[in-house]
Every structure is written in structure tokens, then in C-alpha cells.
């Protein structure tokens, strides 16, 4: 009798364990199960999000297209050619579009010196639209002395009011990383010789560059200008703002 009872207990225990294991297996496969989804979410967090490596083929194709367009400044291409001004305008817009495409690609890539080289090359073109796109491309890359020199020589000294704001935003990166003296010199020099409209843009964007080390330099610059000029009023307002905030 005891042997039969023991056998029955063993049998029912085995059946119970089997059913429990089976139910757990089915439960774990349920797509609506919360723990299953949580585990999947956790695994997604561990996916490698490292930017893709520099895609030579796509970048090279874009670079070749841009270079072919650049060659159209000196040879006949499929652009309006009866009016040289219209020809250069249409060509510049086309190059600008291609450079902005390259900029979008650069945003999704690791930094690459090739992008800076291209940006510097096209900043030299005497077309504000091309310079705008080249500067945008340059902004995707780490700062360098070559890029800084290009911004000063080919953007600030180009004196295009549409480019000043972007140029000064780019220079802010250099201000924070040890180029303060060079920036102060470049901005004061540009302010001295620029048109009234450019001076206003420079004065409006100058506040981030005013600090204990540069305050006297910019104050002196304001003293040597026409006090009734709108740009000087803006500059003096920024200087007063700095004085208030440092108290």
C-alpha cells in the first residue's frame, strides 16, 4: 500500500513539474509579455551606435561632381552663358547644393581631414553662396589652425553680411580653445574697415568674445569710431552688458 502511495505521489509530482515548465515556456514566447519586451529593450540599448566609417565611394562621387562644377568657372558647361553674372550665380547655387549634401553626410561620419580640405578649397571661391555651404561643411569638423586662417581670410575679410553671423558662431569654438588673441585681432581689424552693415553684424555678435582679457581692446575700438553710428551703439551696449554681468 505504501509503495503504491509513494508511486502515485512521484507520478503526480512529475506531472505537476512538467506542466509548470511547459506553461513557463509558452509564457516566455508570448509577444505581449512585459518581461519579454523589457529584455528586448535592454538588448537594443547595447547595440553599437558608433558612427559609420568614412564612406570613400559616396564622398568621392560627391567630390568629383563638385570638382566638375568648379571647372565650369573656366570652361563652357550647361549653364546660362550669355550673361556672365547669371552663369556664375547658377553655377554657385549648384555647387552650394552639392556642398550641403556633403555636409549632411559629414554629420553622420567620424571627423575626417578630407572634409576640412574641401571646405577650405571652396571657401576661396568668390561666391557668397558657395562660401556659406563650405563654412557649413567646415563646422562639422574639429577646429584647426588651417580652418581658422581660412575663416578669417576667406569669410571675415570677404565682407558679406550674410556670412558674418555664421562665421562668428564658428569662431566661438576657437575662442574656447586658445585662439582668443587671434580672434580679437581679426574682429577688430574687420570692424575698422567694414561697411556700416557689416559693422552692425559684427557688433551684434561680439558679446561672446568680450571677457576680462578683451574688454579694454573692444572699448578702445568703440572709442575710435563714430559714436553716433548704429554699430558703435550696439558695441557699447554689449560692453555695458558685460560690465553689469561681471559685478
Protein backbone atom coordinates (compact mmCIF):
# COMPACT_ATOMS: atom_id res chain seq x y z
CA UNK A 1 0.00 0.00 0.00
CA UNK A 2 2.79 2.36 0.94
CA UNK A 3 4.62 1.55 -2.29
CA UNK A 4 1.50 2.36 -4.33
CA UNK A 5 1.05 5.66 -2.45
CA UNK A 6 4.71 6.61 -2.99
CA UNK A 7 4.43 5.79 -6.69
CA UNK A 8 1.29 7.93 -7.03
CA UNK A 9 2.97 10.88 -5.26
CA UNK A 10 6.00 10.59 -7.52
CA UNK A 11 3.77 10.41 -10.61
CA UNK A 12 1.68 13.47 -9.74
CA UNK A 13 4.82 15.43 -8.76
CA UNK A 14 6.36 14.65 -12.14
CA UNK A 15 3.19 15.70 -13.98
CA UNK A 16 2.96 18.96 -12.00
CA UNK A 17 6.59 19.87 -12.72
CA UNK A 18 6.09 19.10 -16.41
CA UNK A 19 3.02 21.32 -16.63
CA UNK A 20 4.78 24.19 -14.81
CA UNK A 21 7.77 24.05 -17.15
CA UNK A 22 5.50 23.91 -20.19
CA UNK A 23 3.46 26.91 -19.07
CA UNK A 24 6.63 28.96 -18.41
CA UNK A 25 7.91 28.14 -21.89
CA UNK A 26 4.66 29.25 -23.51
CA UNK A 27 4.53 32.40 -21.37
CA UNK A 28 8.06 33.41 -22.33
CA UNK A 29 7.11 33.17 -26.02
CA UNK A 30 4.11 35.46 -25.60
CA UNK A 31 4.91 38.66 -27.61
CA UNK A 32 2.71 40.66 -25.24
CA UNK A 33 4.62 39.58 -22.16
CA UNK A 34 6.13 42.66 -20.40
CA UNK A 35 9.32 40.96 -19.24
CA UNK A 36 9.97 39.69 -22.76
CA UNK A 37 9.69 43.24 -24.12
CA UNK A 38 11.86 44.66 -21.36
CA UNK A 39 14.64 42.19 -22.17
CA UNK A 40 14.41 43.12 -25.84
CA UNK A 41 14.60 46.83 -24.98
CA UNK A 42 17.65 46.23 -22.82
CA UNK A 43 19.40 44.43 -25.66
CA UNK A 44 18.68 47.36 -28.00
CA UNK A 45 20.49 49.67 -25.61
CA UNK A 46 23.65 47.64 -26.16
CA UNK A 47 23.61 47.95 -29.95
CA UNK A 48 26.77 49.64 -31.21
CA UNK A 49 25.87 53.22 -32.16
CA UNK A 50 29.38 54.12 -33.34
CA UNK A 51 29.17 56.30 -36.49
CA UNK A 52 29.89 54.54 -39.74
CA UNK A 53 33.41 54.78 -41.08
CA UNK A 54 34.22 57.27 -43.86
CA UNK A 55 32.41 56.01 -46.96
CA UNK A 56 35.01 56.67 -49.61
CA UNK A 57 32.83 55.81 -52.61
CA UNK A 58 29.92 58.16 -51.81
CA UNK A 59 32.17 61.00 -50.69
CA UNK A 60 34.44 60.60 -53.67
CA UNK A 61 31.49 60.69 -56.06
CA UNK A 62 30.21 63.90 -54.49
CA UNK A 63 33.67 65.42 -54.50
CA UNK A 64 34.11 64.59 -58.18
CA UNK A 65 30.72 66.12 -59.01
CA UNK A 66 31.65 69.30 -57.14
CA UNK A 67 35.05 69.46 -58.83
CA UNK A 68 33.44 69.13 -62.26
CA UNK A 69 31.15 72.01 -61.40
CA UNK A 70 34.08 74.10 -60.21
CA UNK A 71 35.77 73.53 -63.59
CA UNK A 72 32.77 75.24 -65.20
CA UNK A 73 34.11 78.58 -63.98
CA UNK A 74 36.78 78.28 -66.66
CA UNK A 75 35.09 76.22 -69.39
CA UNK A 76 31.71 76.01 -71.13
CA UNK A 77 29.13 73.86 -69.32
CA UNK A 78 25.37 73.51 -69.36
CA UNK A 79 24.71 76.82 -67.61
CA UNK A 80 23.39 80.16 -68.93
CA UNK A 81 26.39 81.71 -70.66
CA UNK A 82 25.05 84.85 -72.34
CA UNK A 83 25.23 86.78 -69.08
CA UNK A 84 28.40 86.01 -67.08
CA UNK A 85 26.73 87.13 -63.88
CA UNK A 86 23.77 84.75 -64.35
CA UNK A 87 26.18 81.97 -65.31
CA UNK A 88 28.18 82.34 -62.10
CA UNK A 89 25.04 82.67 -59.99
CA UNK A 90 23.53 79.44 -61.36
CA UNK A 91 26.84 77.63 -61.04
CA UNK A 92 27.37 78.83 -57.47
CA UNK A 93 23.91 77.64 -56.45
CA UNK A 94 24.63 74.21 -57.90
CA UNK A 95 27.94 73.93 -56.05
CA UNK A 96 26.24 75.14 -52.87
CA UNK A 97 23.62 72.37 -53.14
CA UNK A 98 26.30 69.69 -53.58
CA UNK A 99 28.36 71.02 -50.68
CA UNK A 100 25.32 70.95 -48.40
CA UNK A 101 24.76 67.31 -49.39
CA UNK A 102 28.35 66.60 -48.44
CA UNK A 103 27.80 68.44 -45.15
CA UNK A 104 24.81 66.20 -44.33
CA UNK A 105 26.97 63.17 -44.98
CA UNK A 106 29.76 64.56 -42.82
CA UNK A 107 27.35 64.98 -39.90
CA UNK A 108 26.84 61.20 -39.85
CA UNK A 109 30.51 60.34 -40.16
CA UNK A 110 33.54 60.42 -37.94
CA UNK A 111 35.67 63.51 -38.42
CA UNK A 112 37.88 63.32 -41.49
CA UNK A 113 40.50 65.85 -42.62
CA UNK A 114 39.27 65.46 -46.19
CA UNK A 115 36.12 67.39 -45.32
CA UNK A 116 38.18 70.30 -43.99
CA UNK A 117 40.34 70.31 -47.11
CA UNK A 118 37.26 70.51 -49.33
CA UNK A 119 35.74 73.26 -47.16
CA UNK A 120 38.91 75.36 -47.33
CA UNK A 121 39.15 74.91 -51.09
CA UNK A 122 35.62 76.18 -51.70
CA UNK A 123 35.81 79.00 -49.17
CA UNK A 124 38.29 80.55 -51.58
CA UNK A 125 35.67 80.85 -54.32
CA UNK A 126 34.41 84.42 -54.63
CA UNK A 127 30.75 83.49 -54.28
CA UNK A 128 28.80 84.04 -51.07
CA UNK A 129 26.52 81.04 -51.69
CA UNK A 130 29.47 78.70 -52.13
CA UNK A 131 31.21 80.15 -49.08
CA UNK A 132 28.05 79.64 -47.00
CA UNK A 133 27.94 75.92 -47.81
CA UNK A 134 31.70 75.46 -47.42
CA UNK A 135 31.57 77.09 -43.98
CA UNK A 136 28.70 74.78 -43.01
CA UNK A 137 30.80 71.79 -44.08
CA UNK A 138 33.75 73.08 -42.08
CA UNK A 139 31.58 73.40 -38.98
CA UNK A 140 31.18 69.61 -38.89
CA UNK A 141 34.90 69.11 -38.30
CA UNK A 142 37.27 69.68 -35.36
CA UNK A 143 38.95 73.07 -35.19
CA UNK A 144 42.40 73.53 -36.71
CA UNK A 145 44.79 76.39 -37.38
CA UNK A 146 44.27 75.90 -41.14
CA UNK A 147 40.50 76.17 -40.78
CA UNK A 148 40.80 79.21 -38.52
CA UNK A 149 43.01 81.00 -41.03
CA UNK A 150 40.53 80.17 -43.80
CA UNK A 151 37.58 81.59 -41.83
CA UNK A 152 39.43 84.85 -41.20
CA UNK A 153 40.89 85.29 -44.68
CA UNK A 154 38.08 83.92 -46.84
CA UNK A 155 34.96 84.78 -44.81
CA UNK A 156 35.55 87.71 -42.44
CA UNK A 157 37.65 89.61 -44.97
CA UNK A 158 35.20 88.79 -47.75
CA UNK A 159 32.79 91.23 -46.04
CA UNK A 160 29.50 89.55 -46.91
CA UNK A 161 26.90 90.48 -44.30
CA UNK A 162 25.03 87.19 -44.92
CA UNK A 163 28.09 85.22 -43.78
CA UNK A 164 29.15 87.21 -40.71
CA UNK A 165 26.78 85.57 -38.24
CA UNK A 166 27.78 82.03 -39.27
CA UNK A 167 31.45 82.95 -39.24
CA UNK A 168 31.26 84.37 -35.71
CA UNK A 169 29.37 81.32 -34.47
CA UNK A 170 32.16 79.17 -35.87
CA UNK A 171 34.80 81.41 -34.28
CA UNK A 172 33.20 80.85 -30.86
CA UNK A 173 34.55 77.30 -30.98
CA UNK A 174 38.04 78.70 -31.40
CA UNK A 175 37.55 81.29 -28.65
CA UNK A 176 37.10 78.48 -26.15
CA UNK A 177 40.18 76.61 -27.30
CA UNK A 178 43.01 79.09 -27.16
CA UNK A 179 42.68 81.35 -30.20
CA UNK A 180 41.40 84.38 -28.31
CA UNK A 181 44.19 86.79 -29.22
CA UNK A 182 43.99 85.95 -32.92
CA UNK A 183 40.20 86.28 -32.91
CA UNK A 184 40.31 89.66 -31.17
CA UNK A 185 42.81 90.92 -33.73
CA UNK A 186 40.74 89.60 -36.65
CA UNK A 187 37.45 91.06 -35.37
CA UNK A 188 38.87 94.49 -34.54
CA UNK A 189 40.60 94.68 -37.91
CA UNK A 190 37.39 93.73 -39.73
CA UNK A 191 35.40 96.26 -37.71
CA UNK A 192 37.78 99.06 -38.68
CA UNK A 193 37.40 98.59 -42.43
CA UNK A 194 33.94 97.05 -42.86
CA UNK A 195 30.84 98.70 -44.30
CA UNK A 196 28.21 100.03 -41.86
CA UNK A 197 26.03 96.93 -42.39
CA UNK A 198 28.92 94.55 -41.71
CA UNK A 199 29.90 96.56 -38.63
CA UNK A 200 26.39 96.16 -37.24
CA UNK A 201 26.55 92.38 -37.71
CA UNK A 202 29.97 92.25 -36.08
CA UNK A 203 28.83 94.38 -33.14
CA UNK A 204 25.71 92.25 -32.59
CA UNK A 205 27.71 89.03 -32.49
CA UNK A 206 30.57 90.35 -30.40
CA UNK A 207 29.27 89.71 -26.87
CA UNK A 208 30.54 86.08 -26.56
CA UNK A 209 34.03 87.38 -27.32
CA UNK A 210 34.06 90.06 -24.61
CA UNK A 211 35.80 89.00 -21.40
CA UNK A 212 38.29 90.33 -18.86
CA UNK A 213 41.15 89.94 -21.31
CA UNK A 214 39.46 91.55 -24.32
CA UNK A 215 37.26 94.22 -22.71
CA UNK A 216 39.82 97.02 -22.97
CA UNK A 217 40.61 96.20 -26.59
CA UNK A 218 36.98 96.38 -27.67
CA UNK A 219 36.40 99.50 -25.54
CA UNK A 220 39.29 101.19 -27.32
CA UNK A 221 37.81 100.14 -30.65
CA UNK A 222 34.50 101.77 -29.71
CA UNK A 223 36.25 104.98 -28.66
CA UNK A 224 37.89 105.33 -32.06
CA UNK A 225 34.63 105.09 -34.02
CA UNK A 226 31.81 107.49 -34.76
CA UNK A 227 29.73 107.38 -31.58
CA UNK A 228 26.54 108.14 -33.50
CA UNK A 229 26.93 105.09 -35.73
CA UNK A 230 24.42 102.32 -35.04
CA UNK A 231 27.17 99.70 -34.91
CA UNK A 232 29.06 101.63 -32.22
CA UNK A 233 25.89 101.99 -30.16
CA UNK A 234 25.40 98.22 -30.35
CA UNK A 235 29.03 97.63 -29.43
CA UNK A 236 28.87 99.97 -26.44
CA UNK A 237 25.65 98.29 -25.33
CA UNK A 238 27.42 94.92 -25.33
CA UNK A 239 30.31 96.38 -23.35
CA UNK A 240 27.92 97.80 -20.74
CA UNK A 241 26.15 94.45 -20.57
CA UNK A 242 29.45 92.74 -19.82
CA UNK A 243 30.21 95.27 -17.08
CA UNK A 244 26.81 94.65 -15.47
CA UNK A 245 27.15 90.89 -15.57
CA UNK A 246 30.64 90.80 -14.09
CA UNK A 247 29.60 92.81 -10.99
